[in-house]
Structure formats: structure tokens, C-alpha cells
Amino acid sequence: MAHKIDETKCICCGSCAQVCPVTAISHTPGAKAYWIDPEICIDCDACTSVCPVNCISQE
């Protein structure tokens, strides 16, 4: 089961993308939040521990 980012809470700091070992997290310029590709995510939980606003959860 992949992780999901709550767009209403994400502050676009990029902490999650920096620690993702499989680069499943990305950001489109102009977007309000980062997003996690469920096809790439390996459920390692690295992103959840570094998110300062706790906006990442399992789908």
C-alpha cells in the first residue's frame, strides 16, 4: 500500500522527496503539494518521519 500526501496540509518543503530512496515523490512547478507515485513507492516510511506537518499517510 502506497503513501499519500494531503494536499491541504503540504507546505512544499521537499523534505519527503529528499529522503525517498526510490524517488517516488515529486513536485510539479506551480502545484500546491508534492505527490507520491504509488507504482514506485515501496512503503519504507522514510517520508513520514521527516514531514514537519504530518501530511503523509498510507492510502
Protein backbone atom coordinates (compact mmCIF):
# COMPACT_ATOMS: atom_id res chain seq x y z
CA MET A 1 0.00 0.00 0.00
CA ALA A 2 1.48 3.33 -1.05
CA HIS A 3 1.59 6.56 0.89
CA LYS A 4 -0.44 9.66 0.08
CA ILE A 5 0.19 13.36 0.72
CA ASP A 6 -2.68 15.51 1.98
CA GLU A 7 -2.64 18.48 -0.39
CA THR A 8 -4.39 20.72 2.13
CA LYS A 9 -1.57 20.29 4.67
CA CYS A 10 1.55 20.06 2.46
CA ILE A 11 3.80 23.13 2.70
CA CYS A 12 6.01 22.08 -0.27
CA CYS A 13 9.19 21.99 1.79
CA GLY A 14 10.58 18.99 -0.12
CA SER A 15 11.79 17.10 2.95
CA CYS A 16 9.94 13.98 1.87
CA ALA A 17 11.40 13.95 -1.64
CA GLN A 18 14.93 14.36 -0.30
CA VAL A 19 14.75 11.17 1.78
CA CYS A 20 12.81 8.93 -0.61
CA PRO A 21 15.18 6.08 -1.58
CA VAL A 22 13.31 5.31 -4.81
CA THR A 23 12.43 8.86 -5.92
CA ALA A 24 8.70 8.18 -5.77
CA ILE A 25 7.95 11.72 -4.57
CA SER A 26 7.91 14.67 -6.93
CA HIS A 27 6.58 18.17 -7.37
CA THR A 28 5.26 19.86 -10.46
CA PRO A 29 6.16 23.56 -10.71
CA GLY A 30 3.14 25.61 -9.69
CA ALA A 31 1.47 22.72 -7.86
CA LYS A 32 0.20 23.20 -4.31
CA ALA A 33 1.73 19.99 -2.99
CA TYR A 34 4.18 17.16 -3.63
CA TRP A 35 2.77 13.82 -4.75
CA ILE A 36 3.77 10.18 -4.35
CA ASP A 37 3.69 7.77 -7.28
CA PRO A 38 2.01 4.62 -5.92
CA GLU A 39 3.68 2.50 -8.61
CA ILE A 40 7.14 3.43 -7.31
CA CYS A 41 6.54 3.81 -3.53
CA ILE A 42 7.96 0.90 -1.51
CA ASP A 43 6.28 1.81 1.81
CA CYS A 44 9.54 2.38 3.64
CA ASP A 45 8.04 5.22 5.78
CA ALA A 46 11.14 7.42 5.37
CA CYS A 47 8.94 10.31 4.22
CA THR A 48 6.51 10.16 7.13
CA SER A 49 9.23 10.64 9.72
CA VAL A 50 10.62 13.82 8.16
CA CYS A 51 7.39 15.64 7.27
CA PRO A 52 7.16 18.71 9.55
CA VAL A 53 3.36 18.99 9.14
CA ASN A 54 2.48 15.25 9.24
CA CYS A 55 0.64 15.33 5.93
CA ILE A 56 1.75 11.88 4.71
CA SER A 57 -0.27 8.76 5.44
CA GLN A 58 -0.85 5.31 3.99
CA GLU A 59 -3.56 5.05 1.36
